[in-house]
């Protein structure tokens, strides 16, 4: 799994998205290289906080500091139910903050492996 250098999570809505798109366009016109980062944009801070709850932020922190980890081991480390962690991983994967893959678990079927998409996450919100 290839990591991006940084993921920015912003709560600046459509105006912020279009401002960043214009700036990227200008950089491309000048043939400048764009930074290796992913930006996830929310309409407002309350939407961002609904997705990035305290437990999900903790999940991001733990996955970022470890090598790719099995979902069951991650749940044990967080002292949470495996189903709850699985739901959180599904949501964070939907927004592009985590990625998962399945690997063969010899004699026991398959297991889900969770890995971060970036080396660092930056959360920005203006209220």
N, C-alpha and C. Protein backbone atom coordinates (compact mmCIF):
# COMPACT_ATOMS: atom_id res chain seq x y z
N UNK A 1 0.84 -1.17 0.00
CA UNK A 1 0.00 0.00 0.00
C UNK A 1 0.89 1.24 0.00
N UNK A 2 0.70 2.06 -1.01
CA UNK A 2 1.52 3.25 -1.16
C UNK A 2 0.89 4.40 -0.38
N UNK A 3 1.69 5.05 0.46
CA UNK A 3 1.18 6.15 1.27
C UNK A 3 1.41 7.49 0.58
N UNK A 4 0.44 8.38 0.71
CA UNK A 4 0.59 9.76 0.31
C UNK A 4 1.31 10.44 1.46
N UNK A 5 1.95 11.57 1.19
CA UNK A 5 2.67 12.23 2.27
C UNK A 5 1.73 12.86 3.29
N UNK A 6 0.58 13.38 2.83
CA UNK A 6 -0.30 14.07 3.78
C UNK A 6 -1.74 14.03 3.30
N UNK A 7 -2.66 13.95 4.25
CA UNK A 7 -4.09 14.09 3.96
C UNK A 7 -4.59 15.28 4.77
N UNK A 8 -5.22 16.23 4.09
CA UNK A 8 -5.82 17.39 4.77
C UNK A 8 -7.33 17.20 4.79
N UNK A 9 -7.91 17.38 5.94
CA UNK A 9 -9.36 17.31 6.09
C UNK A 9 -9.81 18.72 6.43
N UNK A 10 -10.61 19.31 5.56
CA UNK A 10 -11.03 20.71 5.72
C UNK A 10 -12.54 20.82 5.84
N UNK A 11 -12.96 21.87 6.48
CA UNK A 11 -14.38 22.18 6.58
C UNK A 11 -14.60 23.58 6.01
N UNK A 12 -14.30 23.74 4.71
CA UNK A 12 -14.42 25.07 4.11
C UNK A 12 -15.41 25.12 2.95
N UNK A 13 -16.14 24.04 2.73
CA UNK A 13 -17.23 24.01 1.77
C UNK A 13 -16.80 24.19 0.33
N UNK A 14 -17.80 24.55 -0.49
CA UNK A 14 -17.58 24.67 -1.93
C UNK A 14 -16.63 25.81 -2.27
N UNK A 15 -16.71 26.91 -1.53
CA UNK A 15 -15.83 28.05 -1.82
C UNK A 15 -14.36 27.67 -1.66
N UNK A 16 -14.04 26.96 -0.60
CA UNK A 16 -12.66 26.51 -0.39
C UNK A 16 -12.22 25.52 -1.45
N UNK A 17 -13.13 24.62 -1.83
CA UNK A 17 -12.81 23.64 -2.87
C UNK A 17 -12.46 24.34 -4.17
N UNK A 18 -13.29 25.29 -4.60
CA UNK A 18 -13.04 25.97 -5.87
C UNK A 18 -11.80 26.86 -5.80
N UNK A 19 -11.53 27.46 -4.65
CA UNK A 19 -10.29 28.25 -4.51
C UNK A 19 -9.06 27.36 -4.67
N UNK A 20 -9.09 26.17 -4.06
CA UNK A 20 -7.96 25.24 -4.21
C UNK A 20 -7.84 24.74 -5.65
N UNK A 21 -8.96 24.50 -6.30
CA UNK A 21 -8.93 24.04 -7.69
C UNK A 21 -8.33 25.10 -8.61
N UNK A 22 -8.70 26.37 -8.39
CA UNK A 22 -8.11 27.46 -9.18
C UNK A 22 -6.60 27.54 -8.96
N UNK A 23 -6.17 27.44 -7.71
CA UNK A 23 -4.74 27.51 -7.40
C UNK A 23 -3.99 26.33 -8.03
N UNK A 24 -4.56 25.14 -7.99
CA UNK A 24 -3.94 23.98 -8.64
C UNK A 24 -3.85 24.20 -10.14
N UNK A 25 -4.90 24.76 -10.73
CA UNK A 25 -4.89 25.06 -12.16
C UNK A 25 -3.78 26.03 -12.52
N UNK A 26 -3.62 27.08 -11.71
CA UNK A 26 -2.54 28.06 -11.95
C UNK A 26 -1.17 27.39 -11.86
N UNK A 27 -0.99 26.54 -10.86
CA UNK A 27 0.29 25.84 -10.71
C UNK A 27 0.56 24.94 -11.92
N UNK A 28 -0.46 24.25 -12.38
CA UNK A 28 -0.28 23.38 -13.55
C UNK A 28 0.03 24.19 -14.80
N UNK A 29 -0.63 25.36 -14.95
CA UNK A 29 -0.33 26.24 -16.09
C UNK A 29 1.13 26.68 -16.09
N UNK A 30 1.68 26.91 -14.88
CA UNK A 30 3.09 27.32 -14.76
C UNK A 30 4.03 26.11 -14.76
N UNK A 31 3.45 24.91 -14.98
CA UNK A 31 4.19 23.64 -15.00
C UNK A 31 4.92 23.37 -13.68
N UNK A 32 4.31 23.80 -12.59
CA UNK A 32 4.85 23.51 -11.26
C UNK A 32 4.28 22.19 -10.77
N UNK A 33 5.06 21.51 -9.96
CA UNK A 33 4.61 20.23 -9.41
C UNK A 33 3.64 20.47 -8.26
N UNK A 34 2.59 19.67 -8.23
CA UNK A 34 1.62 19.76 -7.14
C UNK A 34 2.11 18.92 -5.97
N UNK A 35 1.82 19.34 -4.73
CA UNK A 35 2.23 18.53 -3.57
C UNK A 35 1.50 17.20 -3.56
N UNK A 36 2.18 16.17 -3.03
CA UNK A 36 1.57 14.83 -2.92
C UNK A 36 0.68 14.81 -1.68
N UNK A 37 -0.55 15.23 -1.84
CA UNK A 37 -1.48 15.23 -0.72
C UNK A 37 -2.89 15.01 -1.24
N UNK A 38 -3.74 14.59 -0.33
CA UNK A 38 -5.15 14.40 -0.61
C UNK A 38 -5.91 15.37 0.29
N UNK A 39 -6.92 16.05 -0.26
CA UNK A 39 -7.74 16.96 0.53
C UNK A 39 -9.17 16.44 0.55
N UNK A 40 -9.70 16.24 1.76
CA UNK A 40 -11.09 15.84 1.95
C UNK A 40 -11.81 17.07 2.48
N UNK A 41 -12.84 17.52 1.77
CA UNK A 41 -13.51 18.77 2.12
C UNK A 41 -14.94 18.51 2.59
N UNK A 42 -15.31 19.16 3.69
CA UNK A 42 -16.66 19.10 4.22
C UNK A 42 -17.31 20.46 4.08
N UNK A 43 -18.63 20.47 3.99
CA UNK A 43 -19.36 21.73 3.84
C UNK A 43 -19.20 22.63 5.06
N UNK A 44 -19.23 22.04 6.26
CA UNK A 44 -19.04 22.85 7.47
C UNK A 44 -18.39 22.00 8.56
N UNK A 45 -18.01 22.66 9.64
CA UNK A 45 -17.28 21.99 10.72
C UNK A 45 -18.12 20.92 11.41
N UNK A 46 -19.44 21.13 11.52
CA UNK A 46 -20.27 20.14 12.21
C UNK A 46 -20.32 18.82 11.42
N UNK A 47 -20.34 18.91 10.08
CA UNK A 47 -20.29 17.68 9.26
C UNK A 47 -18.96 16.96 9.47
N UNK A 48 -17.89 17.71 9.52
CA UNK A 48 -16.57 17.12 9.73
C UNK A 48 -16.50 16.43 11.09
N UNK A 49 -17.03 17.07 12.12
CA UNK A 49 -16.99 16.50 13.46
C UNK A 49 -17.88 15.27 13.59
N UNK A 50 -18.95 15.21 12.79
CA UNK A 50 -19.81 14.03 12.80
C UNK A 50 -19.06 12.82 12.24
N UNK A 51 -18.26 13.03 11.21
CA UNK A 51 -17.49 11.94 10.61
C UNK A 51 -16.26 11.63 11.45
N UNK A 52 -15.58 12.65 11.94
CA UNK A 52 -14.35 12.44 12.70
C UNK A 52 -14.62 12.56 14.20
N UNK A 53 -15.36 11.62 14.72
CA UNK A 53 -15.65 11.58 16.15
C UNK A 53 -14.36 11.30 16.92
N UNK A 54 -14.43 11.36 18.22
CA UNK A 54 -13.24 11.12 19.05
C UNK A 54 -12.69 9.71 18.83
N UNK A 55 -13.56 8.72 18.74
CA UNK A 55 -13.11 7.33 18.54
C UNK A 55 -12.52 7.13 17.15
N UNK A 56 -13.09 7.76 16.14
CA UNK A 56 -12.54 7.62 14.80
C UNK A 56 -11.20 8.33 14.67
N UNK A 57 -11.06 9.45 15.33
CA UNK A 57 -9.77 10.16 15.35
C UNK A 57 -8.73 9.31 16.05
N UNK A 58 -9.12 8.68 17.13
CA UNK A 58 -8.20 7.76 17.84
C UNK A 58 -7.81 6.58 16.94
N UNK A 59 -8.77 6.07 16.18
CA UNK A 59 -8.51 4.99 15.24
C UNK A 59 -7.49 5.43 14.18
N UNK A 60 -7.64 6.64 13.65
CA UNK A 60 -6.68 7.16 12.69
C UNK A 60 -5.28 7.27 13.30
N UNK A 61 -5.23 7.74 14.55
CA UNK A 61 -3.94 7.91 15.23
C UNK A 61 -3.24 6.56 15.42
N UNK A 62 -3.98 5.55 15.81
CA UNK A 62 -3.39 4.22 16.05
C UNK A 62 -2.95 3.59 14.73
N UNK A 63 -3.75 3.69 13.68
CA UNK A 63 -3.36 3.09 12.40
C UNK A 63 -2.17 3.81 11.79
N UNK A 64 -2.07 5.10 12.00
CA UNK A 64 -0.96 5.87 11.45
C UNK A 64 0.36 5.48 12.09
N UNK A 65 0.33 5.13 13.36
CA UNK A 65 1.57 4.82 14.08
C UNK A 65 2.02 3.37 13.90
N UNK A 66 1.15 2.50 13.41
CA UNK A 66 1.48 1.07 13.25
C UNK A 66 1.66 0.71 11.79
N UNK A 67 2.18 -0.48 11.57
CA UNK A 67 2.19 -1.09 10.25
C UNK A 67 0.75 -1.51 9.95
N UNK A 68 0.45 -1.87 8.70
CA UNK A 68 -0.91 -2.38 8.43
C UNK A 68 -1.27 -3.48 9.43
N UNK A 69 -2.46 -3.36 9.99
CA UNK A 69 -2.87 -4.22 11.11
C UNK A 69 -4.19 -4.90 10.81
N UNK A 70 -4.35 -6.11 11.29
CA UNK A 70 -5.63 -6.83 11.15
C UNK A 70 -6.69 -6.10 11.96
N UNK A 71 -7.90 -6.08 11.42
CA UNK A 71 -9.01 -5.39 12.07
C UNK A 71 -9.24 -5.89 13.49
N UNK A 72 -9.17 -7.20 13.71
CA UNK A 72 -9.41 -7.75 15.04
C UNK A 72 -8.32 -7.30 16.03
N UNK A 73 -7.08 -7.24 15.58
CA UNK A 73 -5.99 -6.76 16.45
C UNK A 73 -6.16 -5.27 16.76
N UNK A 74 -6.62 -4.52 15.78
CA UNK A 74 -6.87 -3.09 15.97
C UNK A 74 -7.97 -2.88 17.01
N UNK A 75 -9.04 -3.66 16.92
CA UNK A 75 -10.13 -3.56 17.88
C UNK A 75 -9.65 -3.90 19.29
N UNK A 76 -8.80 -4.92 19.40
CA UNK A 76 -8.27 -5.30 20.72
C UNK A 76 -7.38 -4.18 21.28
N UNK A 77 -6.57 -3.58 20.43
CA UNK A 77 -5.69 -2.50 20.89
C UNK A 77 -6.49 -1.28 21.34
N UNK A 78 -7.59 -1.01 20.65
CA UNK A 78 -8.44 0.13 21.00
C UNK A 78 -9.42 -0.19 22.13
N UNK A 79 -9.50 -1.49 22.51
CA UNK A 79 -10.45 -1.96 23.54
C UNK A 79 -11.89 -1.62 23.14
N UNK A 80 -12.23 -1.95 21.86
CA UNK A 80 -13.55 -1.70 21.32
C UNK A 80 -14.06 -2.96 20.64
N UNK A 81 -15.35 -3.03 20.43
CA UNK A 81 -15.97 -4.15 19.74
C UNK A 81 -15.53 -4.16 18.27
N UNK A 82 -15.26 -5.34 17.74
CA UNK A 82 -14.77 -5.48 16.36
C UNK A 82 -15.78 -4.93 15.36
N UNK A 83 -17.07 -5.14 15.59
CA UNK A 83 -18.08 -4.63 14.66
C UNK A 83 -18.11 -3.11 14.64
N UNK A 84 -17.93 -2.47 15.79
CA UNK A 84 -17.92 -1.01 15.84
C UNK A 84 -16.69 -0.46 15.11
N UNK A 85 -15.54 -1.09 15.32
CA UNK A 85 -14.33 -0.66 14.62
C UNK A 85 -14.49 -0.88 13.12
N UNK A 86 -15.12 -1.98 12.73
CA UNK A 86 -15.35 -2.26 11.31
C UNK A 86 -16.22 -1.18 10.67
N UNK A 87 -17.28 -0.76 11.36
CA UNK A 87 -18.14 0.32 10.85
C UNK A 87 -17.35 1.61 10.70
N UNK A 88 -16.51 1.93 11.69
CA UNK A 88 -15.70 3.15 11.62
C UNK A 88 -14.69 3.07 10.48
N UNK A 89 -14.08 1.91 10.30
CA UNK A 89 -13.12 1.73 9.21
C UNK A 89 -13.83 1.89 7.86
N UNK A 90 -15.04 1.32 7.73
CA UNK A 90 -15.80 1.47 6.48
C UNK A 90 -16.05 2.93 6.16
N UNK A 91 -16.46 3.72 7.16
CA UNK A 91 -16.74 5.13 6.94
C UNK A 91 -15.46 5.89 6.58
N UNK A 92 -14.39 5.66 7.32
CA UNK A 92 -13.14 6.36 7.04
C UNK A 92 -12.56 5.95 5.69
N UNK A 93 -12.79 4.72 5.29
CA UNK A 93 -12.33 4.27 3.97
C UNK A 93 -13.17 4.95 2.87
N UNK A 94 -14.45 5.12 3.12
CA UNK A 94 -15.33 5.80 2.16
C UNK A 94 -14.85 7.22 1.89
N UNK A 95 -14.33 7.90 2.91
CA UNK A 95 -13.84 9.26 2.76
C UNK A 95 -12.37 9.30 2.33
N UNK A 96 -11.75 8.15 2.14
CA UNK A 96 -10.38 8.11 1.64
C UNK A 96 -9.30 8.30 2.68
N UNK A 97 -9.64 8.12 3.95
CA UNK A 97 -8.66 8.33 5.02
C UNK A 97 -7.92 7.05 5.41
N UNK A 98 -8.54 5.90 5.17
CA UNK A 98 -7.93 4.60 5.43
C UNK A 98 -8.11 3.73 4.20
N UNK A 99 -7.33 2.66 4.12
CA UNK A 99 -7.57 1.67 3.08
C UNK A 99 -7.47 0.28 3.69
N UNK A 100 -8.19 -0.65 3.09
CA UNK A 100 -8.19 -2.02 3.60
C UNK A 100 -7.94 -2.98 2.45
N UNK A 101 -7.47 -4.16 2.83
CA UNK A 101 -7.33 -5.26 1.90
C UNK A 101 -7.54 -6.54 2.68
N UNK A 102 -7.76 -7.60 1.97
CA UNK A 102 -7.98 -8.90 2.62
C UNK A 102 -6.78 -9.78 2.34
N UNK A 103 -6.33 -10.47 3.37
CA UNK A 103 -5.21 -11.40 3.20
C UNK A 103 -5.64 -12.76 3.75
N UNK A 104 -5.04 -13.79 3.21
CA UNK A 104 -5.35 -15.14 3.63
C UNK A 104 -4.81 -15.39 5.02
N UNK A 105 -5.67 -15.93 5.86
CA UNK A 105 -5.28 -16.31 7.21
C UNK A 105 -5.23 -17.84 7.20
N UNK A 106 -4.04 -18.43 7.13
CA UNK A 106 -3.92 -19.88 6.92
C UNK A 106 -4.79 -20.70 7.88
N UNK A 107 -5.65 -21.52 7.28
CA UNK A 107 -6.51 -22.40 8.06
C UNK A 107 -7.75 -21.74 8.62
N UNK A 108 -7.89 -20.41 8.44
CA UNK A 108 -9.03 -19.70 9.05
C UNK A 108 -9.72 -18.74 8.10
N UNK A 109 -9.54 -18.89 6.80
CA UNK A 109 -10.20 -18.01 5.85
C UNK A 109 -9.40 -16.77 5.56
N UNK A 110 -10.08 -15.63 5.56
CA UNK A 110 -9.42 -14.36 5.25
C UNK A 110 -9.57 -13.39 6.40
N UNK A 111 -8.65 -12.44 6.47
CA UNK A 111 -8.77 -11.40 7.49
C UNK A 111 -8.57 -10.05 6.83
N UNK A 112 -9.20 -9.05 7.41
CA UNK A 112 -9.17 -7.70 6.87
C UNK A 112 -8.00 -6.94 7.48
N UNK A 113 -7.18 -6.34 6.62
CA UNK A 113 -6.02 -5.58 7.05
C UNK A 113 -6.31 -4.10 6.83
N UNK A 114 -6.04 -3.27 7.83
CA UNK A 114 -6.30 -1.83 7.78
C UNK A 114 -4.97 -1.10 7.74
N UNK A 115 -4.86 -0.12 6.83
CA UNK A 115 -3.63 0.67 6.72
C UNK A 115 -3.99 2.13 6.49
N UNK A 116 -3.15 3.05 6.96
CA UNK A 116 -3.40 4.47 6.71
C UNK A 116 -3.12 4.82 5.26
N UNK A 117 -3.75 5.86 4.76
CA UNK A 117 -3.48 6.32 3.39
C UNK A 117 -2.37 7.33 3.35
N UNK A 118 -1.99 7.88 4.53
CA UNK A 118 -0.96 8.93 4.54
C UNK A 118 -0.10 8.80 5.78
N UNK A 119 1.05 9.45 5.71
CA UNK A 119 1.95 9.48 6.86
C UNK A 119 1.46 10.46 7.92
N UNK A 120 0.72 11.49 7.50
CA UNK A 120 0.18 12.45 8.47
C UNK A 120 -1.20 12.92 8.01
N UNK A 121 -2.00 13.30 8.98
CA UNK A 121 -3.33 13.83 8.75
C UNK A 121 -3.40 15.23 9.34
N UNK A 122 -3.98 16.17 8.62
CA UNK A 122 -4.12 17.53 9.11
C UNK A 122 -5.60 17.89 9.08
N UNK A 123 -6.16 18.21 10.25
CA UNK A 123 -7.57 18.57 10.36
C UNK A 123 -7.69 20.08 10.51
N UNK A 124 -8.43 20.73 9.60
CA UNK A 124 -8.58 22.19 9.62
C UNK A 124 -10.06 22.54 9.62
N UNK A 125 -10.48 23.32 10.59
CA UNK A 125 -11.88 23.76 10.64
C UNK A 125 -11.93 25.18 11.17
N UNK A 126 -12.78 25.99 10.55
CA UNK A 126 -13.01 27.35 11.01
C UNK A 126 -14.46 27.46 11.42
N UNK A 127 -14.68 27.94 12.62
CA UNK A 127 -16.06 28.06 13.12
C UNK A 127 -16.43 29.52 13.17
